[in-house]
Amino acid sequence: MVKELPQSILFCCDHNAVRSPMAEGIMKKFYGLGTYVQSVGVYNDLEIDGFAIAVCDEIQVELSRHKSRSFDEMAALGDDLSSFDLVVALSPASQRRALDLTRFFHMKVEYWPIMDPTGIGETREIKLSAYRQSRDQIVGQFSKLWGKPSEV
């Protein structure tokens, strides 16, 4: 059964450089702007990953202008975590951080076990294949919950 899209969703992962920006970009592109979508990381110590940019370009999702940020930076910029209907953690570390930060809020935190492609492969093609697998896991989770994306 297809669920109704949340009004606001926050995707989080370890560094806000691969999985959460991919989820944010794909959500915005394929499900429209009716849902407020953002992404953060536990840390902000990496720039957006070039392989993530490349595999999202393949499906016309623009990530090159993404600026990584952490939960702490999000709060400093005035984005209140309690304003999101749903927080989706894409890594165990981000799930722990999200649950810790939301323990006083009445909100839903989900964990989606999306593969971390960053340490896989020696060659460019093997690395791209791993990143495509992570991207496709995200698209598959979206399709399962909210129906087939309008642009895919």
C-alpha atoms as a PDB file:
ATOM      1  CA  MET A   1       0.000   0.000   0.000  1.00  0.00           C
ATOM      2  CA  VAL A   2       1.351   3.409  -0.988  1.00  0.00           C
ATOM      3  CA  LYS A   3       1.577   5.933   1.830  1.00  0.00           C
ATOM      4  CA  GLU A   4       0.913   9.644   1.613  1.00  0.00           C
ATOM      5  CA  LEU A   5       4.047  11.759   1.288  1.00  0.00           C
ATOM      6  CA  PRO A   6       5.110  13.498   4.506  1.00  0.00           C
ATOM      7  CA  GLN A   7       4.958  17.295   4.574  1.00  0.00           C
ATOM      8  CA  SER A   8       8.604  17.466   5.639  1.00  0.00           C
ATOM      9  CA  ILE A   9      11.425  14.958   5.703  1.00  0.00           C
ATOM     10  CA  LEU A  10      15.039  15.043   6.853  1.00  0.00           C
ATOM     11  CA  PHE A  11      17.533  12.513   5.501  1.00  0.00           C
ATOM     12  CA  CYS A  12      20.691  11.921   7.518  1.00  0.00           C
ATOM     13  CA  CYS A  13      23.865   9.888   7.196  1.00  0.00           C
ATOM     14  CA  ASP A  14      27.422  10.053   8.494  1.00  0.00           C
ATOM     15  CA  HIS A  15      28.939  12.979   6.527  1.00  0.00           C
ATOM     16  CA  ASN A  16      26.121  14.401   4.360  1.00  0.00           C
ATOM     17  CA  ALA A  17      28.308  13.682   1.341  1.00  0.00           C
ATOM     18  CA  VAL A  18      26.814  10.568  -0.328  1.00  0.00           C
ATOM     19  CA  ARG A  19      23.600   8.855   0.794  1.00  0.00           C
ATOM     20  CA  SER A  20      21.626  11.692   2.398  1.00  0.00           C
ATOM     21  CA  PRO A  21      22.302  14.214  -0.416  1.00  0.00           C
ATOM     22  CA  MET A  22      21.340  11.544  -2.956  1.00  0.00           C
ATOM     23  CA  ALA A  23      18.086  10.913  -1.074  1.00  0.00           C
ATOM     24  CA  GLU A  24      17.392  14.654  -0.798  1.00  0.00           C
ATOM     25  CA  GLY A  25      18.039  15.299  -4.494  1.00  0.00           C
ATOM     26  CA  ILE A  26      16.087  12.292  -5.720  1.00  0.00           C
ATOM     27  CA  MET A  27      13.130  13.114  -3.465  1.00  0.00           C
ATOM     28  CA  LYS A  28      12.989  16.708  -4.696  1.00  0.00           C
ATOM     29  CA  LYS A  29      13.340  15.762  -8.366  1.00  0.00           C
ATOM     30  CA  PHE A  30      10.939  12.843  -8.522  1.00  0.00           C
ATOM     31  CA  TYR A  31       8.306  13.702  -5.924  1.00  0.00           C
ATOM     32  CA  GLY A  32       8.069  17.441  -6.438  1.00  0.00           C
ATOM     33  CA  LEU A  33       8.319  20.325  -4.072  1.00  0.00           C
ATOM     34  CA  GLY A  34       5.161  19.581  -2.067  1.00  0.00           C
ATOM     35  CA  THR A  35       7.349  18.000   0.603  1.00  0.00           C
ATOM     36  CA  TYR A  36      10.010  20.093   2.370  1.00  0.00           C
ATOM     37  CA  VAL A  37      13.209  18.039   2.105  1.00  0.00           C
ATOM     38  CA  GLN A  38      16.629  18.562   3.698  1.00  0.00           C
ATOM     39  CA  SER A  39      19.646  16.445   4.560  1.00  0.00           C
ATOM     40  CA  VAL A  40      22.361  16.496   7.220  1.00  0.00           C
ATOM     41  CA  GLY A  41      25.208  14.404   8.540  1.00  0.00           C
ATOM     42  CA  VAL A  42      26.486  13.484  11.954  1.00  0.00           C
ATOM     43  CA  TYR A  43      29.656  15.291  10.840  1.00  0.00           C
ATOM     44  CA  ASN A  44      30.409  17.907   8.210  1.00  0.00           C
ATOM     45  CA  ASP A  45      33.964  17.008   7.341  1.00  0.00           C
ATOM     46  CA  LEU A  46      33.581  16.053   3.664  1.00  0.00           C
ATOM     47  CA  GLU A  47      32.401  17.770   0.496  1.00  0.00           C
ATOM     48  CA  ILE A  48      29.765  16.212  -1.749  1.00  0.00           C
ATOM     49  CA  ASP A  49      31.212  13.035  -3.259  1.00  0.00           C
ATOM     50  CA  GLY A  50      32.023  13.101  -6.981  1.00  0.00           C
ATOM     51  CA  PHE A  51      30.756   9.578  -7.560  1.00  0.00           C
ATOM     52  CA  ALA A  52      27.425  10.498  -5.932  1.00  0.00           C
ATOM     53  CA  ILE A  53      27.208  13.495  -8.279  1.00  0.00           C
ATOM     54  CA  ALA A  54      27.980  11.277 -11.295  1.00  0.00           C
ATOM     55  CA  VAL A  55      25.402   8.551 -10.603  1.00  0.00           C
ATOM     56  CA  CYS A  56      22.702  11.097  -9.816  1.00  0.00           C
ATOM     57  CA  ASP A  57      23.491  12.981 -13.040  1.00  0.00           C
ATOM     58  CA  GLU A  58      22.600   9.736 -14.837  1.00  0.00           C
ATOM     59  CA  ILE A  59      19.000  10.152 -13.647  1.00  0.00           C
ATOM     60  CA  GLN A  60      18.954  13.956 -14.082  1.00  0.00           C
ATOM     61  CA  VAL A  61      19.340  14.733 -10.376  1.00  0.00           C
ATOM     62  CA  GLU A  62      21.655  17.696  -9.757  1.00  0.00           C
ATOM     63  CA  LEU A  63      23.918  17.384  -6.704  1.00  0.00           C
ATOM     64  CA  SER A  64      26.988  19.440  -7.615  1.00  0.00           C
ATOM     65  CA  ARG A  65      25.772  22.530  -5.723  1.00  0.00           C
ATOM     66  CA  HIS A  66      25.022  20.589  -2.517  1.00  0.00           C
ATOM     67  CA  LYS A  67      26.689  22.011   0.599  1.00  0.00           C
ATOM     68  CA  SER A  68      27.272  19.443   3.321  1.00  0.00           C
ATOM     69  CA  ARG A  69      26.140  20.286   6.836  1.00  0.00           C
ATOM     70  CA  SER A  70      25.843  18.584  10.194  1.00  0.00           C
ATOM     71  CA  PHE A  71      23.008  18.320  12.709  1.00  0.00           C
ATOM     72  CA  ASP A  72      24.778  21.026  14.762  1.00  0.00           C
ATOM     73  CA  GLU A  73      25.041  23.388  11.783  1.00  0.00           C
ATOM     74  CA  MET A  74      21.405  22.773  10.929  1.00  0.00           C
ATOM     75  CA  ALA A  75      20.398  23.860  14.431  1.00  0.00           C
ATOM     76  CA  ALA A  76      22.712  26.897  14.272  1.00  0.00           C
ATOM     77  CA  LEU A  77      21.063  27.945  10.987  1.00  0.00           C
ATOM     78  CA  GLY A  78      17.643  27.819  12.637  1.00  0.00           C
ATOM     79  CA  ASP A  79      16.274  24.594  11.140  1.00  0.00           C
ATOM     80  CA  ASP A  80      14.389  23.093  14.059  1.00  0.00           C
ATOM     81  CA  LEU A  81      14.505  19.297  14.058  1.00  0.00           C
ATOM     82  CA  SER A  82      11.016  19.194  15.552  1.00  0.00           C
ATOM     83  CA  SER A  83       9.642  20.847  12.408  1.00  0.00           C
ATOM     84  CA  PHE A  84      10.161  17.655  10.383  1.00  0.00           C
ATOM     85  CA  ASP A  85       7.412  15.035  10.176  1.00  0.00           C
ATOM     86  CA  LEU A  86       9.890  12.278   9.426  1.00  0.00           C
ATOM     87  CA  VAL A  87      13.617  11.767   9.963  1.00  0.00           C
ATOM     88  CA  VAL A  88      15.153   9.020   7.826  1.00  0.00           C
ATOM     89  CA  ALA A  89      18.534   7.736   8.986  1.00  0.00           C
ATOM     90  CA  LEU A  90      20.602   6.073   6.280  1.00  0.00           C
ATOM     91  CA  SER A  91      23.415   4.890   8.550  1.00  0.00           C
ATOM     92  CA  PRO A  92      23.576   3.430  12.072  1.00  0.00           C
ATOM     93  CA  ALA A  93      25.532   6.439  13.420  1.00  0.00           C
ATOM     94  CA  SER A  94      22.978   8.899  12.056  1.00  0.00           C
ATOM     95  CA  GLN A  95      20.146   6.806  13.489  1.00  0.00           C
ATOM     96  CA  ARG A  96      21.720   6.977  16.953  1.00  0.00           C
ATOM     97  CA  ARG A  97      22.220  10.750  16.636  1.00  0.00           C
ATOM     98  CA  ALA A  98      18.690  11.332  15.332  1.00  0.00           C
ATOM     99  CA  LEU A  99      17.143   9.260  18.117  1.00  0.00           C
ATOM    100  CA  ASP A 100      19.216  11.120  20.697  1.00  0.00           C
ATOM    101  CA  LEU A 101      18.228  14.532  19.309  1.00  0.00           C
ATOM    102  CA  THR A 102      14.532  13.648  18.981  1.00  0.00           C
ATOM    103  CA  ARG A 103      14.024  11.887  22.314  1.00  0.00           C
ATOM    104  CA  PHE A 104      11.955  14.825  23.605  1.00  0.00           C
ATOM    105  CA  PHE A 105       9.950  15.302  20.389  1.00  0.00           C
ATOM    106  CA  HIS A 106       6.930  13.367  19.254  1.00  0.00           C
ATOM    107  CA  MET A 107       8.213  12.490  15.816  1.00  0.00           C
ATOM    108  CA  LYS A 108       9.051   9.488  13.712  1.00  0.00           C
ATOM    109  CA  VAL A 109      12.628   8.341  13.049  1.00  0.00           C
ATOM    110  CA  GLU A 110      13.072   5.534  10.529  1.00  0.00           C
ATOM    111  CA  TYR A 111      16.213   3.615   9.647  1.00  0.00           C
ATOM    112  CA  TRP A 112      16.745   2.588   6.027  1.00  0.00           C
ATOM    113  CA  PRO A 113      19.797   0.312   5.653  1.00  0.00           C
ATOM    114  CA  ILE A 114      21.218   1.882   2.493  1.00  0.00           C
ATOM    115  CA  MET A 115      24.620   0.503   1.532  1.00  0.00           C
ATOM    116  CA  ASP A 116      27.634   2.793   2.046  1.00  0.00           C
ATOM    117  CA  PRO A 117      29.421   2.628  -1.323  1.00  0.00           C
ATOM    118  CA  THR A 118      32.485   4.695  -0.382  1.00  0.00           C
ATOM    119  CA  GLY A 119      34.863   1.851   0.419  1.00  0.00           C
ATOM    120  CA  ILE A 120      33.895  -0.475  -2.416  1.00  0.00           C
ATOM    121  CA  GLY A 121      35.995  -1.100  -5.500  1.00  0.00           C
ATOM    122  CA  GLU A 122      39.379  -0.242  -6.915  1.00  0.00           C
ATOM    123  CA  THR A 123      38.448   0.949 -10.412  1.00  0.00           C
ATOM    124  CA  ARG A 124      36.182   3.788 -11.464  1.00  0.00           C
ATOM    125  CA  GLU A 125      33.631   1.410 -13.005  1.00  0.00           C
ATOM    126  CA  ILE A 126      33.416  -0.783  -9.906  1.00  0.00           C
ATOM    127  CA  LYS A 127      33.041   2.306  -7.705  1.00  0.00           C
ATOM    128  CA  LEU A 128      30.320   3.732  -9.979  1.00  0.00           C
ATOM    129  CA  SER A 129      28.516   0.392  -9.857  1.00  0.00           C
ATOM    130  CA  ALA A 130      28.502   0.485  -6.037  1.00  0.00           C
ATOM    131  CA  TYR A 131      27.208   4.075  -5.997  1.00  0.00           C
ATOM    132  CA  ARG A 132      24.491   3.138  -8.505  1.00  0.00           C
ATOM    133  CA  GLN A 133      23.451   0.303  -6.201  1.00  0.00           C
ATOM    134  CA  SER A 134      23.064   2.739  -3.272  1.00  0.00           C
ATOM    135  CA  ARG A 135      21.167   5.207  -5.478  1.00  0.00           C
ATOM    136  CA  ASP A 136      18.867   2.448  -6.694  1.00  0.00           C
ATOM    137  CA  GLN A 137      18.245   1.257  -3.119  1.00  0.00           C
ATOM    138  CA  ILE A 138      17.061   4.784  -2.283  1.00  0.00           C
ATOM    139  CA  VAL A 139      14.814   4.935  -5.367  1.00  0.00           C
ATOM    140  CA  GLY A 140      13.462   1.476  -4.505  1.00  0.00           C
ATOM    141  CA  GLN A 141      12.614   2.519  -0.945  1.00  0.00           C
ATOM    142  CA  PHE A 142      10.850   5.634  -2.245  1.00  0.00           C
ATOM    143  CA  SER A 143       8.862   3.578  -4.764  1.00  0.00           C
ATOM    144  CA  LYS A 144       7.871   1.047  -2.108  1.00  0.00           C
ATOM    145  CA  LEU A 145       6.618   3.734   0.279  1.00  0.00           C
ATOM    146  CA  TRP A 146       5.300   6.489  -1.990  1.00  0.00           C
ATOM    147  CA  GLY A 147       4.758   4.884  -5.368  1.00  0.00           C
ATOM    148  CA  LYS A 148       6.697   5.058  -8.594  1.00  0.00           C
ATOM    149  CA  PRO A 149       8.495   8.404  -8.978  1.00  0.00           C
ATOM    150  CA  SER A 150       6.864  10.702 -11.513  1.00  0.00           C
ATOM    151  CA  GLU A 151      10.036  11.258 -13.569  1.00  0.00           C
ATOM    152  CA  VAL A 152      11.603   7.781 -13.624  1.00  0.00           C
END
